[in-house]
């Protein structure tokens, strides 16, 4: 992954990453061990949780008000649900 959390077993000549099933399963198990049932949310899920639109969420990220936990190799952001809930509790919607 872009942040080095999961390393590809193979990169094709076209630059596509291929991951081993064992590595993906181990990574997924690690995500399930998050405290308080935290999990990674897509941009759409995070926006719904915060009660804002996706463009508003993206602006908050660009302005540094929110931080994605992981950015996928394709550039998609994933947000930690526990961190977003904490942000809601302390700051209100983004």
PDB file of N, CA and C in Angstrom:
ATOM      1  N   UNK A   1       0.841  -1.171   0.000  1.00  0.00           N
ATOM      2  CA  UNK A   1       0.000   0.000   0.000  1.00  0.00           C
ATOM      3  C   UNK A   1       0.887   1.234   0.000  1.00  0.00           C
ATOM      4  N   UNK A   2       0.316   2.357  -0.303  1.00  0.00           N
ATOM      5  CA  UNK A   2       1.080   3.583  -0.435  1.00  0.00           C
ATOM      6  C   UNK A   2       1.837   3.946   0.845  1.00  0.00           C
ATOM      7  N   UNK A   3       1.299   3.596   2.012  1.00  0.00           N
ATOM      8  CA  UNK A   3       1.965   3.912   3.269  1.00  0.00           C
ATOM      9  C   UNK A   3       2.816   2.752   3.772  1.00  0.00           C
ATOM     10  N   UNK A   4       2.990   1.728   2.958  1.00  0.00           N
ATOM     11  CA  UNK A   4       3.837   0.616   3.328  1.00  0.00           C
ATOM     12  C   UNK A   4       3.209  -0.367   4.299  1.00  0.00           C
ATOM     13  N   UNK A   5       1.911  -0.322   4.456  1.00  0.00           N
ATOM     14  CA  UNK A   5       1.246  -1.221   5.385  1.00  0.00           C
ATOM     15  C   UNK A   5       1.111  -2.631   4.831  1.00  0.00           C
ATOM     16  N   UNK A   6       1.075  -2.749   3.523  1.00  0.00           N
ATOM     17  CA  UNK A   6       0.956  -4.047   2.869  1.00  0.00           C
ATOM     18  C   UNK A   6       1.831  -4.000   1.624  1.00  0.00           C
ATOM     19  N   UNK A   7       2.769  -4.911   1.551  1.00  0.00           N
ATOM     20  CA  UNK A   7       3.708  -4.912   0.429  1.00  0.00           C
ATOM     21  C   UNK A   7       3.262  -5.896  -0.644  1.00  0.00           C
ATOM     22  N   UNK A   8       3.324  -5.485  -1.915  1.00  0.00           N
ATOM     23  CA  UNK A   8       2.898  -6.391  -2.985  1.00  0.00           C
ATOM     24  C   UNK A   8       3.851  -7.571  -3.126  1.00  0.00           C
ATOM     25  N   UNK A   9       3.276  -8.714  -3.440  1.00  0.00           N
ATOM     26  CA  UNK A   9       4.082  -9.897  -3.725  1.00  0.00           C
ATOM     27  C   UNK A   9       4.670  -9.801  -5.123  1.00  0.00           C
ATOM     28  N   UNK A  10       4.008  -9.041  -5.991  1.00  0.00           N
ATOM     29  CA  UNK A  10       4.428  -8.908  -7.387  1.00  0.00           C
ATOM     30  C   UNK A  10       3.921  -7.584  -7.934  1.00  0.00           C
ATOM     31  N   UNK A  11       4.724  -6.949  -8.754  1.00  0.00           N
ATOM     32  CA  UNK A  11       4.285  -5.768  -9.495  1.00  0.00           C
ATOM     33  C   UNK A  11       4.407  -6.119 -10.970  1.00  0.00           C
ATOM     34  N   UNK A  12       3.303  -6.035 -11.697  1.00  0.00           N
ATOM     35  CA  UNK A  12       3.294  -6.416 -13.108  1.00  0.00           C
ATOM     36  C   UNK A  12       4.076  -5.408 -13.944  1.00  0.00           C
ATOM     37  N   UNK A  13       4.424  -5.753 -15.172  1.00  0.00           N
ATOM     38  CA  UNK A  13       5.114  -4.799 -16.047  1.00  0.00           C
ATOM     39  C   UNK A  13       4.306  -3.502 -16.243  1.00  0.00           C
ATOM     40  N   UNK A  14       2.999  -3.583 -16.124  1.00  0.00           N
ATOM     41  CA  UNK A  14       2.157  -2.398 -16.260  1.00  0.00           C
ATOM     42  C   UNK A  14       2.020  -1.595 -14.974  1.00  0.00           C
ATOM     43  N   UNK A  15       2.688  -2.045 -13.899  1.00  0.00           N
ATOM     44  CA  UNK A  15       2.669  -1.306 -12.639  1.00  0.00           C
ATOM     45  C   UNK A  15       1.538  -1.696 -11.693  1.00  0.00           C
ATOM     46  N   UNK A  16       0.799  -2.735 -12.024  1.00  0.00           N
ATOM     47  CA  UNK A  16      -0.287  -3.186 -11.148  1.00  0.00           C
ATOM     48  C   UNK A  16       0.285  -4.045 -10.027  1.00  0.00           C
ATOM     49  N   UNK A  17      -0.224  -3.819  -8.831  1.00  0.00           N
ATOM     50  CA  UNK A  17       0.266  -4.558  -7.672  1.00  0.00           C
ATOM     51  C   UNK A  17      -0.580  -5.801  -7.447  1.00  0.00           C
ATOM     52  N   UNK A  18       0.093  -6.888  -7.114  1.00  0.00           N
ATOM     53  CA  UNK A  18      -0.573  -8.142  -6.779  1.00  0.00           C
ATOM     54  C   UNK A  18      -0.127  -8.525  -5.374  1.00  0.00           C
ATOM     55  N   UNK A  19      -1.108  -8.871  -4.514  1.00  0.00           N
ATOM     56  CA  UNK A  19      -0.827  -9.185  -3.126  1.00  0.00           C
ATOM     57  C   UNK A  19      -1.128 -10.651  -2.852  1.00  0.00           C
ATOM     58  N   UNK A  20      -0.361 -11.242  -1.938  1.00  0.00           N
ATOM     59  CA  UNK A  20      -0.620 -12.634  -1.588  1.00  0.00           C
ATOM     60  C   UNK A  20      -1.853 -12.696  -0.691  1.00  0.00           C
ATOM     61  N   UNK A  21      -2.602 -13.767  -0.829  1.00  0.00           N
ATOM     62  CA  UNK A  21      -3.800 -13.968  -0.030  1.00  0.00           C
ATOM     63  C   UNK A  21      -3.463 -13.973   1.459  1.00  0.00           C
ATOM     64  N   UNK A  22      -2.365 -14.599   1.826  1.00  0.00           N
ATOM     65  CA  UNK A  22      -1.962 -14.668   3.228  1.00  0.00           C
ATOM     66  C   UNK A  22      -1.699 -13.274   3.798  1.00  0.00           C
ATOM     67  N   UNK A  23      -1.002 -12.417   3.031  1.00  0.00           N
ATOM     68  CA  UNK A  23      -0.716 -11.063   3.501  1.00  0.00           C
ATOM     69  C   UNK A  23      -1.994 -10.240   3.649  1.00  0.00           C
ATOM     70  N   UNK A  24      -2.898 -10.367   2.696  1.00  0.00           N
ATOM     71  CA  UNK A  24      -4.161  -9.620   2.752  1.00  0.00           C
ATOM     72  C   UNK A  24      -4.993 -10.076   3.937  1.00  0.00           C
ATOM     73  N   UNK A  25      -5.062 -11.384   4.160  1.00  0.00           N
ATOM     74  CA  UNK A  25      -5.827 -11.892   5.295  1.00  0.00           C
ATOM     75  C   UNK A  25      -5.226 -11.438   6.618  1.00  0.00           C
ATOM     76  N   UNK A  26      -3.908 -11.457   6.732  1.00  0.00           N
ATOM     77  CA  UNK A  26      -3.254 -11.006   7.961  1.00  0.00           C
ATOM     78  C   UNK A  26      -3.519  -9.518   8.195  1.00  0.00           C
ATOM     79  N   UNK A  27      -3.476  -8.733   7.144  1.00  0.00           N
ATOM     80  CA  UNK A  27      -3.758  -7.298   7.256  1.00  0.00           C
ATOM     81  C   UNK A  27      -5.201  -7.083   7.696  1.00  0.00           C
ATOM     82  N   UNK A  28      -6.133  -7.821   7.113  1.00  0.00           N
ATOM     83  CA  UNK A  28      -7.550  -7.691   7.454  1.00  0.00           C
ATOM     84  C   UNK A  28      -7.803  -8.067   8.905  1.00  0.00           C
ATOM     85  N   UNK A  29      -7.151  -9.114   9.388  1.00  0.00           N
ATOM     86  CA  UNK A  29      -7.302  -9.522  10.791  1.00  0.00           C
ATOM     87  C   UNK A  29      -6.813  -8.394  11.703  1.00  0.00           C
ATOM     88  N   UNK A  30      -5.725  -7.758  11.326  1.00  0.00           N
ATOM     89  CA  UNK A  30      -5.217  -6.628  12.108  1.00  0.00           C
ATOM     90  C   UNK A  30      -6.217  -5.488  12.189  1.00  0.00           C
ATOM     91  N   UNK A  31      -6.950  -5.246  11.114  1.00  0.00           N
ATOM     92  CA  UNK A  31      -7.962  -4.187  11.112  1.00  0.00           C
ATOM     93  C   UNK A  31      -9.119  -4.531  12.033  1.00  0.00           C
ATOM     94  N   UNK A  32      -9.440  -5.811  12.140  1.00  0.00           N
ATOM     95  CA  UNK A  32     -10.541  -6.240  12.991  1.00  0.00           C
ATOM     96  C   UNK A  32     -10.196  -6.105  14.468  1.00  0.00           C
ATOM     97  N   UNK A  33      -8.904  -6.044  14.778  1.00  0.00           N
ATOM     98  CA  UNK A  33      -8.466  -5.937  16.169  1.00  0.00           C
ATOM     99  C   UNK A  33      -8.495  -4.509  16.688  1.00  0.00           C
ATOM    100  N   UNK A  34      -9.016  -3.571  15.906  1.00  0.00           N
ATOM    101  CA  UNK A  34      -9.053  -2.173  16.323  1.00  0.00           C
ATOM    102  C   UNK A  34      -9.925  -2.006  17.566  1.00  0.00           C
ATOM    103  N   UNK A  35      -9.571  -1.076  18.454  1.00  0.00           N
ATOM    104  CA  UNK A  35     -10.360  -0.872  19.673  1.00  0.00           C
ATOM    105  C   UNK A  35     -11.734  -0.298  19.364  1.00  0.00           C
ATOM    106  N   UNK A  36     -12.667  -0.621  20.200  1.00  0.00           N
ATOM    107  CA  UNK A  36     -14.031  -0.085  20.116  1.00  0.00           C
ATOM    108  C   UNK A  36     -14.685  -0.331  18.770  1.00  0.00           C
ATOM    109  N   UNK A  37     -14.326  -1.410  18.097  1.00  0.00           N
ATOM    110  CA  UNK A  37     -14.957  -1.723  16.829  1.00  0.00           C
ATOM    111  C   UNK A  37     -14.597  -0.773  15.706  1.00  0.00           C
ATOM    112  N   UNK A  38     -13.473  -0.072  15.836  1.00  0.00           N
ATOM    113  CA  UNK A  38     -13.056   0.861  14.797  1.00  0.00           C
ATOM    114  C   UNK A  38     -12.798   0.099  13.510  1.00  0.00           C
ATOM    115  N   UNK A  39     -13.075   0.761  12.400  1.00  0.00           N
ATOM    116  CA  UNK A  39     -12.791   0.158  11.106  1.00  0.00           C
ATOM    117  C   UNK A  39     -12.511   1.271  10.125  1.00  0.00           C
ATOM    118  N   UNK A  40     -11.975   0.905   8.974  1.00  0.00           N
ATOM    119  CA  UNK A  40     -11.682   1.903   7.956  1.00  0.00           C
ATOM    120  C   UNK A  40     -12.934   2.166   7.133  1.00  0.00           C
ATOM    121  N   UNK A  41     -13.203   3.441   6.902  1.00  0.00           N
ATOM    122  CA  UNK A  41     -14.374   3.867   6.150  1.00  0.00           C
ATOM    123  C   UNK A  41     -13.950   4.494   4.830  1.00  0.00           C
ATOM    124  N   UNK A  42     -14.769   4.310   3.809  1.00  0.00           N
ATOM    125  CA  UNK A  42     -14.539   4.997   2.534  1.00  0.00           C
ATOM    126  C   UNK A  42     -14.870   6.473   2.713  1.00  0.00           C
ATOM    127  N   UNK A  43     -14.527   7.267   1.719  1.00  0.00           N
ATOM    128  CA  UNK A  43     -14.840   8.693   1.771  1.00  0.00           C
ATOM    129  C   UNK A  43     -16.344   8.913   1.902  1.00  0.00           C
ATOM    130  N   UNK A  44     -17.134   8.152   1.153  1.00  0.00           N
ATOM    131  CA  UNK A  44     -18.590   8.290   1.227  1.00  0.00           C
ATOM    132  C   UNK A  44     -19.131   7.937   2.598  1.00  0.00           C
ATOM    133  N   UNK A  45     -18.627   6.835   3.178  1.00  0.00           N
ATOM    134  CA  UNK A  45     -19.069   6.431   4.509  1.00  0.00           C
ATOM    135  C   UNK A  45     -18.678   7.460   5.563  1.00  0.00           C
ATOM    136  N   UNK A  46     -17.447   7.973   5.448  1.00  0.00           N
ATOM    137  CA  UNK A  46     -16.978   8.984   6.395  1.00  0.00           C
ATOM    138  C   UNK A  46     -17.824  10.254   6.296  1.00  0.00           C
ATOM    139  N   UNK A  47     -18.136  10.671   5.071  1.00  0.00           N
ATOM    140  CA  UNK A  47     -18.959  11.878   4.880  1.00  0.00           C
ATOM    141  C   UNK A  47     -20.340  11.679   5.508  1.00  0.00           C
ATOM    142  N   UNK A  48     -20.932  10.504   5.305  1.00  0.00           N
ATOM    143  CA  UNK A  48     -22.251  10.231   5.909  1.00  0.00           C
ATOM    144  C   UNK A  48     -22.175  10.254   7.432  1.00  0.00           C
ATOM    145  N   UNK A  49     -21.124   9.654   7.994  1.00  0.00           N
ATOM    146  CA  UNK A  49     -20.963   9.641   9.442  1.00  0.00           C
ATOM    147  C   UNK A  49     -20.862  11.066   9.992  1.00  0.00           C
ATOM    148  N   UNK A  50     -20.146  11.924   9.278  1.00  0.00           N
ATOM    149  CA  UNK A  50     -19.962  13.307   9.717  1.00  0.00           C
ATOM    150  C   UNK A  50     -21.138  14.209   9.353  1.00  0.00           C
ATOM    151  N   UNK A  51     -22.018  13.720   8.492  1.00  0.00           N
ATOM    152  CA  UNK A  51     -23.168  14.525   8.083  1.00  0.00           C
ATOM    153  C   UNK A  51     -22.815  15.630   7.105  1.00  0.00           C
ATOM    154  N   UNK A  52     -21.816  15.367   6.258  1.00  0.00           N
ATOM    155  CA  UNK A  52     -21.392  16.347   5.253  1.00  0.00           C
ATOM    156  C   UNK A  52     -21.336  15.661   3.887  1.00  0.00           C
ATOM    157  N   UNK A  53     -21.154  16.455   2.844  1.00  0.00           N
ATOM    158  CA  UNK A  53     -20.997  15.895   1.499  1.00  0.00           C
ATOM    159  C   UNK A  53     -19.547  15.437   1.310  1.00  0.00           C
ATOM    160  N   UNK A  54     -19.326  14.604   0.296  1.00  0.00           N
ATOM    161  CA  UNK A  54     -17.964  14.170  -0.002  1.00  0.00           C
ATOM    162  C   UNK A  54     -17.063  15.346  -0.378  1.00  0.00           C
ATOM    163  N   UNK A  55     -17.528  16.317  -1.183  1.00  0.00           N
ATOM    164  CA  UNK A  55     -16.661  17.464  -1.466  1.00  0.00           C
ATOM    165  C   UNK A  55     -16.273  18.235  -0.200  1.00  0.00           C
ATOM    166  N   UNK A  56     -17.189  18.343   0.755  1.00  0.00           N
ATOM    167  CA  UNK A  56     -16.871  19.028   2.015  1.00  0.00           C
ATOM    168  C   UNK A  56     -15.819  18.243   2.791  1.00  0.00           C
ATOM    169  N   UNK A  57     -15.963  16.920   2.818  1.00  0.00           N
ATOM    170  CA  UNK A  57     -14.973  16.078   3.481  1.00  0.00           C
ATOM    171  C   UNK A  57     -13.611  16.245   2.807  1.00  0.00           C
ATOM    172  N   UNK A  58     -13.581  16.223   1.488  1.00  0.00           N
ATOM    173  CA  UNK A  58     -12.314  16.381   0.764  1.00  0.00           C
ATOM    174  C   UNK A  58     -11.665  17.727   1.040  1.00  0.00           C
ATOM    175  N   UNK A  59     -12.479  18.791   1.149  1.00  0.00           N
ATOM    176  CA  UNK A  59     -11.932  20.111   1.494  1.00  0.00           C
ATOM    177  C   UNK A  59     -11.321  20.084   2.892  1.00  0.00           C
ATOM    178  N   UNK A  60     -11.982  19.415   3.828  1.00  0.00           N
ATOM    179  CA  UNK A  60     -11.464  19.326   5.193  1.00  0.00           C
ATOM    180  C   UNK A  60     -10.108  18.611   5.209  1.00  0.00           C
ATOM    181  N   UNK A  61      -9.957  17.599   4.362  1.00  0.00           N
ATOM    182  CA  UNK A  61      -8.676  16.886   4.278  1.00  0.00           C
ATOM    183  C   UNK A  61      -7.612  17.810   3.679  1.00  0.00           C
ATOM    184  N   UNK A  62      -7.937  18.479   2.593  1.00  0.00           N
ATOM    185  CA  UNK A  62      -6.968  19.385   1.954  1.00  0.00           C
ATOM    186  C   UNK A  62      -6.538  20.504   2.886  1.00  0.00           C
ATOM    187  N   UNK A  63      -7.441  20.962   3.741  1.00  0.00           N
ATOM    188  CA  UNK A  63      -7.140  22.054   4.682  1.00  0.00           C
ATOM    189  C   UNK A  63      -6.486  21.559   5.969  1.00  0.00           C
ATOM    190  N   UNK A  64      -6.338  20.232   6.093  1.00  0.00           N
ATOM    191  CA  UNK A  64      -5.672  19.678   7.259  1.00  0.00           C
ATOM    192  C   UNK A  64      -6.556  19.491   8.478  1.00  0.00           C
ATOM    193  N   UNK A  65      -7.866  19.657   8.330  1.00  0.00           N
ATOM    194  CA  UNK A  65      -8.779  19.485   9.465  1.00  0.00           C
ATOM    195  C   UNK A  65      -9.038  18.014   9.767  1.00  0.00           C
ATOM    196  N   UNK A  66      -8.952  17.173   8.745  1.00  0.00           N
ATOM    197  CA  UNK A  66      -9.097  15.723   8.883  1.00  0.00           C
ATOM    198  C   UNK A  66      -7.923  15.062   8.184  1.00  0.00           C
ATOM    199  N   UNK A  67      -7.598  13.859   8.645  1.00  0.00           N
ATOM    200  CA  UNK A  67      -6.499  13.121   8.029  1.00  0.00           C
ATOM    201  C   UNK A  67      -6.958  11.704   7.725  1.00  0.00           C
ATOM    202  N   UNK A  68      -6.678  11.274   6.514  1.00  0.00           N
ATOM    203  CA  UNK A  68      -6.979   9.894   6.142  1.00  0.00           C
ATOM    204  C   UNK A  68      -6.003   8.973   6.866  1.00  0.00           C
ATOM    205  N   UNK A  69      -6.499   7.844   7.320  1.00  0.00           N
ATOM    206  CA  UNK A  69      -5.648   6.864   7.986  1.00  0.00           C
ATOM    207  C   UNK A  69      -4.784   6.139   6.967  1.00  0.00           C
ATOM    208  N   UNK A  70      -5.371   5.839   5.824  1.00  0.00           N
ATOM    209  CA  UNK A  70      -4.682   5.121   4.753  1.00  0.00           C
ATOM    210  C   UNK A  70      -5.107   5.731   3.426  1.00  0.00           C
ATOM    211  N   UNK A  71      -4.180   5.798   2.489  1.00  0.00           N
ATOM    212  CA  UNK A  71      -4.500   6.140   1.112  1.00  0.00           C
ATOM    213  C   UNK A  71      -4.133   4.926   0.279  1.00  0.00           C
ATOM    214  N   UNK A  72      -5.085   4.407  -0.470  1.00  0.00           N
ATOM    215  CA  UNK A  72      -4.850   3.201  -1.260  1.00  0.00           C
ATOM    216  C   UNK A  72      -3.901   3.494  -2.413  1.00  0.00           C
ATOM    217  N   UNK A  73      -3.345   2.465  -3.034  1.00  0.00           N
ATOM    218  CA  UNK A  73      -2.482   2.689  -4.198  1.00  0.00           C
ATOM    219  C   UNK A  73      -3.200   3.471  -5.304  1.00  0.00           C
ATOM    220  N   UNK A  74      -4.512   3.372  -5.371  1.00  0.00           N
ATOM    221  CA  UNK A  74      -5.279   4.111  -6.374  1.00  0.00           C
ATOM    222  C   UNK A  74      -5.609   5.537  -5.951  1.00  0.00           C
ATOM    223  N   UNK A  75      -5.148   5.945  -4.760  1.00  0.00           N
ATOM    224  CA  UNK A  75      -5.363   7.310  -4.298  1.00  0.00           C
ATOM    225  C   UNK A  75      -6.655   7.512  -3.517  1.00  0.00           C
ATOM    226  N   UNK A  76      -7.339   6.428  -3.157  1.00  0.00           N
ATOM    227  CA  UNK A  76      -8.585   6.542  -2.401  1.00  0.00           C
ATOM    228  C   UNK A  76      -8.271   6.620  -0.909  1.00  0.00           C
ATOM    229  N   UNK A  77      -8.928   7.539  -0.236  1.00  0.00           N
ATOM    230  CA  UNK A  77      -8.695   7.719   1.192  1.00  0.00           C
ATOM    231  C   UNK A  77      -9.577   6.783   2.001  1.00  0.00           C
ATOM    232  N   UNK A  78      -9.040   6.322   3.129  1.00  0.00           N
ATOM    233  CA  UNK A  78      -9.794   5.529   4.094  1.00  0.00           C
ATOM    234  C   UNK A  78      -9.613   6.189   5.454  1.00  0.00           C
ATOM    235  N   UNK A  79     -10.701   6.282   6.199  1.00  0.00           N
ATOM    236  CA  UNK A  79     -10.703   6.978   7.476  1.00  0.00           C
ATOM    237  C   UNK A  79     -11.017   6.023   8.608  1.00  0.00           C
ATOM    238  N   UNK A  80     -10.372   6.208   9.743  1.00  0.00           N
ATOM    239  CA  UNK A  80     -10.607   5.391  10.922  1.00  0.00           C
ATOM    240  C   UNK A  80     -11.911   5.846  11.574  1.00  0.00           C
ATOM    241  N   UNK A  81     -12.839   4.924  11.734  1.00  0.00           N
ATOM    242  CA  UNK A  81     -14.153   5.287  12.264  1.00  0.00           C
ATOM    243  C   UNK A  81     -14.064   5.826  13.687  1.00  0.00           C
ATOM    244  N   UNK A  82     -13.179   5.279  14.515  1.00  0.00           N
ATOM    245  CA  UNK A  82     -13.044   5.760  15.900  1.00  0.00           C
ATOM    246  C   UNK A  82     -12.517   7.193  15.923  1.00  0.00           C
ATOM    247  N   UNK A  83     -11.564   7.516  15.049  1.00  0.00           N
ATOM    248  CA  UNK A  83     -11.032   8.881  15.000  1.00  0.00           C
ATOM    249  C   UNK A  83     -12.099   9.868  14.548  1.00  0.00           C
ATOM    250  N   UNK A  84     -12.920   9.473  13.575  1.00  0.00           N
ATOM    251  CA  UNK A  84     -13.977  10.360  13.113  1.00  0.00           C
ATOM    252  C   UNK A  84     -15.018  10.592  14.204  1.00  0.00           C
ATOM    253  N   UNK A  85     -15.350   9.533  14.940  1.00  0.00           N
ATOM    254  CA  UNK A  85     -16.311   9.696  16.040  1.00  0.00           C
ATOM    255  C   UNK A  85     -15.745  10.631  17.110  1.00  0.00           C
ATOM    256  N   UNK A  86     -14.454  10.502  17.386  1.00  0.00           N
ATOM    257  CA  UNK A  86     -13.816  11.387  18.356  1.00  0.00           C
ATOM    258  C   UNK A  86     -13.834  12.833  17.855  1.00  0.00           C
ATOM    259  N   UNK A  87     -13.592  13.019  16.561  1.00  0.00           N
ATOM    260  CA  UNK A  87     -13.623  14.370  15.984  1.00  0.00           C
ATOM    261  C   UNK A  87     -15.022  14.961  16.097  1.00  0.00           C
ATOM    262  N   UNK A  88     -16.040  14.141  15.878  1.00  0.00           N
ATOM    263  CA  UNK A  88     -17.415  14.602  16.029  1.00  0.00           C
ATOM    264  C   UNK A  88     -17.695  15.028  17.459  1.00  0.00           C
ATOM    265  N   UNK A  89     -17.213  14.248  18.400  1.00  0.00           N
ATOM    266  CA  UNK A  89     -17.462  14.512  19.811  1.00  0.00           C
ATOM    267  C   UNK A  89     -16.815  15.816  20.246  1.00  0.00           C
ATOM    268  N   UNK A  90     -15.578  16.049  19.798  1.00  0.00           N
ATOM    269  CA  UNK A  90     -14.826  17.206  20.262  1.00  0.00           C
ATOM    270  C   UNK A  90     -15.007  18.471  19.430  1.00  0.00           C
ATOM    271  N   UNK A  91     -15.306  18.328  18.128  1.00  0.00           N
ATOM    272  CA  UNK A  91     -15.321  19.501  17.263  1.00  0.00           C
ATOM    273  C   UNK A  91     -16.627  19.742  16.551  1.00  0.00           C
ATOM    274  N   UNK A  92     -17.483  18.772  16.470  1.00  0.00           N
ATOM    275  CA  UNK A  92     -18.673  18.915  15.645  1.00  0.00           C
ATOM    276  C   UNK A  92     -18.343  18.518  14.225  1.00  0.00           C
ATOM    277  N   UNK A  93     -19.325  18.549  13.298  1.00  0.00           N
ATOM    278  CA  UNK A  93     -19.098  18.127  11.915  1.00  0.00           C
ATOM    279  C   UNK A  93     -18.018  18.932  11.227  1.00  0.00           C
ATOM    280  N   UNK A  94     -17.336  18.255  10.265  1.00  0.00           N
ATOM    281  CA  UNK A  94     -16.277  18.907   9.490  1.00  0.00           C
ATOM    282  C   UNK A  94     -16.935  19.950   8.633  1.00  0.00           C
TER     283      UNK A  94
END
